[in-house]
Amino acid sequence: MKKCVFAGSFDPFTKGHEEILKRACGIFDEVVLALCVNPEKKTMFTAEKRMEFLNAVAAKYQGVRTVYHEGMLVDLLKKEDTVYTVRGIRNARDYEYESEMDFFNVELKSDAVSVFIPCPVALSHVSSSAVRELLKFKMPVDEYVPEEIAALIKKEK
């Protein structure tokens, strides 16, 4: 059975993230959708709210489990007894950044494998930071986040 970790801060989880999740489900038997907390990063949504978002989306997919994790990604890989991490790639900048992270992950866990999954072109402009910017100005985000998350965001207002 092949298992992977799809980790991020997911502030918030977008339709681009969901496309990567769908594709990971087609490759792996189990996908651990992990909310990884970076204490240096200022987020719009609390960790609790982001876990609520992840749980709402994960409920639609078989073989997807959500976890909360503080610490290094390689520690989560060890805890989950897998070597695979899935990373979504929207553009060359993402690839460059993720390649650098892969280098360090392999330095820390020699058998770590990063699986890069390209985002569909139609969603390559969607980012969590763009969604946060729209939300700051009270603009609709329904076309950029899964419907479950759009409903949860509207409920908060």
C-alpha atoms as a PDB file:
ATOM      1  CA  MET A   1       0.000   0.000   0.000  1.00  0.00           C
ATOM      2  CA  LYS A   2       1.442   3.355  -1.037  1.00  0.00           C
ATOM      3  CA  LYS A   3       0.891   6.315   1.234  1.00  0.00           C
ATOM      4  CA  CYS A   4       1.862   9.956   0.787  1.00  0.00           C
ATOM      5  CA  VAL A   5       1.720  13.166   2.752  1.00  0.00           C
ATOM      6  CA  PHE A   6       0.266  16.268   1.106  1.00  0.00           C
ATOM      7  CA  ALA A   7       1.252  19.026   3.515  1.00  0.00           C
ATOM      8  CA  GLY A   8       0.838  22.764   3.631  1.00  0.00           C
ATOM      9  CA  SER A   9      -0.371  25.715   5.644  1.00  0.00           C
ATOM     10  CA  PHE A  10      -3.539  25.778   3.507  1.00  0.00           C
ATOM     11  CA  ASP A  11      -4.543  29.328   4.472  1.00  0.00           C
ATOM     12  CA  PRO A  12      -7.035  28.638   2.930  1.00  0.00           C
ATOM     13  CA  PHE A  13      -7.211  25.409   0.928  1.00  0.00           C
ATOM     14  CA  THR A  14      -7.924  26.332  -2.710  1.00  0.00           C
ATOM     15  CA  LYS A  15      -9.336  24.638  -5.788  1.00  0.00           C
ATOM     16  CA  GLY A  16      -5.740  24.265  -6.942  1.00  0.00           C
ATOM     17  CA  HIS A  17      -4.946  22.320  -3.777  1.00  0.00           C
ATOM     18  CA  GLU A  18      -8.015  20.177  -4.380  1.00  0.00           C
ATOM     19  CA  GLU A  19      -6.853  19.308  -7.899  1.00  0.00           C
ATOM     20  CA  ILE A  20      -3.515  18.159  -6.496  1.00  0.00           C
ATOM     21  CA  LEU A  21      -5.370  16.132  -3.835  1.00  0.00           C
ATOM     22  CA  LYS A  22      -7.542  14.454  -6.508  1.00  0.00           C
ATOM     23  CA  ARG A  23      -4.485  13.522  -8.552  1.00  0.00           C
ATOM     24  CA  ALA A  24      -2.650  12.227  -5.476  1.00  0.00           C
ATOM     25  CA  CYS A  25      -5.667  10.017  -4.719  1.00  0.00           C
ATOM     26  CA  GLY A  26      -5.266   8.512  -8.181  1.00  0.00           C
ATOM     27  CA  ILE A  27      -1.637   7.635  -7.484  1.00  0.00           C
ATOM     28  CA  PHE A  28      -1.633   6.648  -3.801  1.00  0.00           C
ATOM     29  CA  ASP A  29      -3.851   4.339  -1.770  1.00  0.00           C
ATOM     30  CA  GLU A  30      -3.766   6.719   1.191  1.00  0.00           C
ATOM     31  CA  VAL A  31      -3.220  10.464   1.266  1.00  0.00           C
ATOM     32  CA  VAL A  32      -2.429  12.149   4.556  1.00  0.00           C
ATOM     33  CA  LEU A  33      -3.642  15.730   4.146  1.00  0.00           C
ATOM     34  CA  ALA A  34      -1.522  17.524   6.713  1.00  0.00           C
ATOM     35  CA  LEU A  35      -1.939  20.980   8.121  1.00  0.00           C
ATOM     36  CA  CYS A  36       1.640  21.917   8.920  1.00  0.00           C
ATOM     37  CA  VAL A  37       2.084  24.880  11.171  1.00  0.00           C
ATOM     38  CA  ASN A  38       4.912  27.306  10.581  1.00  0.00           C
ATOM     39  CA  PRO A  39       5.115  29.546  13.687  1.00  0.00           C
ATOM     40  CA  GLU A  40       6.920  32.208  11.614  1.00  0.00           C
ATOM     41  CA  LYS A  41       3.989  32.525   9.220  1.00  0.00           C
ATOM     42  CA  LYS A  42       1.116  34.911   9.966  1.00  0.00           C
ATOM     43  CA  THR A  43      -2.146  33.314   8.899  1.00  0.00           C
ATOM     44  CA  MET A  44      -5.623  34.680   8.256  1.00  0.00           C
ATOM     45  CA  PHE A  45      -7.432  31.602   9.563  1.00  0.00           C
ATOM     46  CA  THR A  46      -6.784  29.814  12.835  1.00  0.00           C
ATOM     47  CA  ALA A  47      -5.373  26.309  12.776  1.00  0.00           C
ATOM     48  CA  GLU A  48      -8.743  25.052  14.028  1.00  0.00           C
ATOM     49  CA  LYS A  49     -10.584  26.718  11.142  1.00  0.00           C
ATOM     50  CA  ARG A  50      -8.064  25.421   8.596  1.00  0.00           C
ATOM     51  CA  MET A  51      -8.500  21.893   9.975  1.00  0.00           C
ATOM     52  CA  GLU A  52     -12.259  22.362   9.597  1.00  0.00           C
ATOM     53  CA  PHE A  53     -11.644  23.323   5.953  1.00  0.00           C
ATOM     54  CA  LEU A  54      -9.442  20.259   5.372  1.00  0.00           C
ATOM     55  CA  ASN A  55     -11.899  17.906   7.054  1.00  0.00           C
ATOM     56  CA  ALA A  56     -14.767  19.258   4.927  1.00  0.00           C
ATOM     57  CA  VAL A  57     -12.865  18.613   1.695  1.00  0.00           C
ATOM     58  CA  ALA A  58     -11.318  15.296   2.786  1.00  0.00           C
ATOM     59  CA  ALA A  59     -14.780  13.870   3.519  1.00  0.00           C
ATOM     60  CA  LYS A  60     -15.403  13.722  -0.245  1.00  0.00           C
ATOM     61  CA  TYR A  61     -12.437  11.452  -0.941  1.00  0.00           C
ATOM     62  CA  GLN A  62     -11.804   7.844  -0.070  1.00  0.00           C
ATOM     63  CA  GLY A  63      -8.399   7.148   1.431  1.00  0.00           C
ATOM     64  CA  VAL A  64      -7.798  10.712   2.640  1.00  0.00           C
ATOM     65  CA  ARG A  65      -7.058  11.403   6.295  1.00  0.00           C
ATOM     66  CA  THR A  66      -6.299  14.778   7.843  1.00  0.00           C
ATOM     67  CA  VAL A  67      -3.685  15.476  10.502  1.00  0.00           C
ATOM     68  CA  TYR A  68      -2.317  18.496  12.309  1.00  0.00           C
ATOM     69  CA  HIS A  69       1.462  18.711  12.531  1.00  0.00           C
ATOM     70  CA  GLU A  70       3.932  21.080  14.136  1.00  0.00           C
ATOM     71  CA  GLY A  71       7.504  20.521  13.135  1.00  0.00           C
ATOM     72  CA  MET A  72       9.545  19.353  10.184  1.00  0.00           C
ATOM     73  CA  LEU A  73       7.945  17.570   7.240  1.00  0.00           C
ATOM     74  CA  VAL A  74      10.490  14.738   7.461  1.00  0.00           C
ATOM     75  CA  ASP A  75       9.341  14.069  11.028  1.00  0.00           C
ATOM     76  CA  LEU A  76       5.780  13.699   9.750  1.00  0.00           C
ATOM     77  CA  LEU A  77       6.966  11.328   7.025  1.00  0.00           C
ATOM     78  CA  LYS A  78       8.649   9.188   9.700  1.00  0.00           C
ATOM     79  CA  LYS A  79       5.561   9.310  11.929  1.00  0.00           C
ATOM     80  CA  GLU A  80       3.316   8.287   9.015  1.00  0.00           C
ATOM     81  CA  ASP A  81       5.782   5.584   7.920  1.00  0.00           C
ATOM     82  CA  THR A  82       6.052   6.839   4.342  1.00  0.00           C
ATOM     83  CA  VAL A  83       8.748   8.345   2.160  1.00  0.00           C
ATOM     84  CA  TYR A  84       6.442  10.158  -0.274  1.00  0.00           C
ATOM     85  CA  THR A  85       5.415  13.773  -0.109  1.00  0.00           C
ATOM     86  CA  VAL A  86       3.204  15.369  -2.760  1.00  0.00           C
ATOM     87  CA  ARG A  87       3.843  18.949  -3.847  1.00  0.00           C
ATOM     88  CA  GLY A  88       1.719  21.003  -6.218  1.00  0.00           C
ATOM     89  CA  ILE A  89       3.564  23.028  -8.838  1.00  0.00           C
ATOM     90  CA  ARG A  90       1.936  26.062 -10.498  1.00  0.00           C
ATOM     91  CA  ASN A  91       4.926  27.617 -12.210  1.00  0.00           C
ATOM     92  CA  ALA A  92       8.723  27.764 -12.427  1.00  0.00           C
ATOM     93  CA  ARG A  93       8.996  29.672  -9.131  1.00  0.00           C
ATOM     94  CA  ASP A  94       7.100  26.892  -7.334  1.00  0.00           C
ATOM     95  CA  TYR A  95       9.334  24.277  -8.933  1.00  0.00           C
ATOM     96  CA  GLU A  96      12.481  26.104  -7.864  1.00  0.00           C
ATOM     97  CA  TYR A  97      11.249  26.494  -4.279  1.00  0.00           C
ATOM     98  CA  GLU A  98      10.000  22.901  -4.011  1.00  0.00           C
ATOM     99  CA  SER A  99      13.253  21.561  -5.489  1.00  0.00           C
ATOM    100  CA  GLU A 100      15.198  23.371  -2.772  1.00  0.00           C
ATOM    101  CA  MET A 101      12.902  21.938  -0.098  1.00  0.00           C
ATOM    102  CA  ASP A 102      13.313  18.467  -1.613  1.00  0.00           C
ATOM    103  CA  PHE A 103      17.085  18.809  -1.307  1.00  0.00           C
ATOM    104  CA  PHE A 104      16.806  19.492   2.434  1.00  0.00           C
ATOM    105  CA  ASN A 105      14.211  16.774   2.978  1.00  0.00           C
ATOM    106  CA  VAL A 106      16.555  14.213   1.379  1.00  0.00           C
ATOM    107  CA  GLU A 107      19.449  15.530   3.474  1.00  0.00           C
ATOM    108  CA  LEU A 108      17.357  14.908   6.610  1.00  0.00           C
ATOM    109  CA  LYS A 109      15.692  11.669   5.447  1.00  0.00           C
ATOM    110  CA  SER A 110      17.687  10.005   2.688  1.00  0.00           C
ATOM    111  CA  ASP A 111      14.789   7.951   1.337  1.00  0.00           C
ATOM    112  CA  ALA A 112      12.366  10.907   1.083  1.00  0.00           C
ATOM    113  CA  VAL A 113      10.737  11.276  -2.331  1.00  0.00           C
ATOM    114  CA  SER A 114       8.961  14.413  -3.501  1.00  0.00           C
ATOM    115  CA  VAL A 115       6.275  13.832  -6.112  1.00  0.00           C
ATOM    116  CA  PHE A 116       5.661  17.057  -8.032  1.00  0.00           C
ATOM    117  CA  ILE A 117       2.175  17.330  -9.504  1.00  0.00           C
ATOM    118  CA  PRO A 118       1.523  20.200 -11.893  1.00  0.00           C
ATOM    119  CA  CYS A 119      -1.559  22.285 -11.296  1.00  0.00           C
ATOM    120  CA  PRO A 120      -3.997  22.572 -14.215  1.00  0.00           C
ATOM    121  CA  VAL A 121      -3.303  25.698 -16.273  1.00  0.00           C
ATOM    122  CA  ALA A 122      -6.809  27.021 -15.559  1.00  0.00           C
ATOM    123  CA  LEU A 123      -5.933  27.181 -11.843  1.00  0.00           C
ATOM    124  CA  SER A 124      -2.272  28.169 -12.091  1.00  0.00           C
ATOM    125  CA  HIS A 125      -3.077  31.744 -11.012  1.00  0.00           C
ATOM    126  CA  VAL A 126      -4.908  30.644  -7.842  1.00  0.00           C
ATOM    127  CA  SER A 127      -2.986  30.931  -4.593  1.00  0.00           C
ATOM    128  CA  SER A 128      -3.932  31.090  -0.946  1.00  0.00           C
ATOM    129  CA  SER A 129      -2.354  34.538  -0.702  1.00  0.00           C
ATOM    130  CA  ALA A 130      -4.517  35.825  -3.589  1.00  0.00           C
ATOM    131  CA  VAL A 131      -7.628  34.402  -1.900  1.00  0.00           C
ATOM    132  CA  ARG A 132      -6.658  36.077   1.392  1.00  0.00           C
ATOM    133  CA  GLU A 133      -6.215  39.377  -0.443  1.00  0.00           C
ATOM    134  CA  LEU A 134      -9.698  39.084  -1.946  1.00  0.00           C
ATOM    135  CA  LEU A 135     -11.149  38.253   1.452  1.00  0.00           C
ATOM    136  CA  LYS A 136      -9.485  41.295   3.038  1.00  0.00           C
ATOM    137  CA  PHE A 137     -11.442  43.452   0.605  1.00  0.00           C
ATOM    138  CA  LYS A 138     -14.690  41.491   1.129  1.00  0.00           C
ATOM    139  CA  MET A 139     -14.616  40.140  -2.432  1.00  0.00           C
ATOM    140  CA  PRO A 140     -16.180  36.778  -3.364  1.00  0.00           C
ATOM    141  CA  VAL A 141     -13.845  33.775  -3.514  1.00  0.00           C
ATOM    142  CA  ASP A 142     -16.276  31.042  -4.566  1.00  0.00           C
ATOM    143  CA  GLU A 143     -14.482  30.369  -7.854  1.00  0.00           C
ATOM    144  CA  TYR A 144     -11.132  29.885  -6.090  1.00  0.00           C
ATOM    145  CA  VAL A 145     -11.977  27.621  -3.132  1.00  0.00           C
ATOM    146  CA  PRO A 146     -13.940  24.349  -2.929  1.00  0.00           C
ATOM    147  CA  GLU A 147     -17.658  24.880  -2.296  1.00  0.00           C
ATOM    148  CA  GLU A 148     -17.423  23.397   1.209  1.00  0.00           C
ATOM    149  CA  ILE A 149     -14.845  25.994   2.160  1.00  0.00           C
ATOM    150  CA  ALA A 150     -16.735  28.844   0.487  1.00  0.00           C
ATOM    151  CA  ALA A 151     -19.757  27.921   2.611  1.00  0.00           C
ATOM    152  CA  LEU A 152     -17.669  27.849   5.806  1.00  0.00           C
ATOM    153  CA  ILE A 153     -16.128  31.221   4.996  1.00  0.00           C
ATOM    154  CA  LYS A 154     -19.554  32.762   4.333  1.00  0.00           C
ATOM    155  CA  LYS A 155     -20.812  31.327   7.622  1.00  0.00           C
ATOM    156  CA  GLU A 156     -18.065  33.230   9.451  1.00  0.00           C
ATOM    157  CA  LYS A 157     -19.141  36.628   8.134  1.00  0.00           C
END
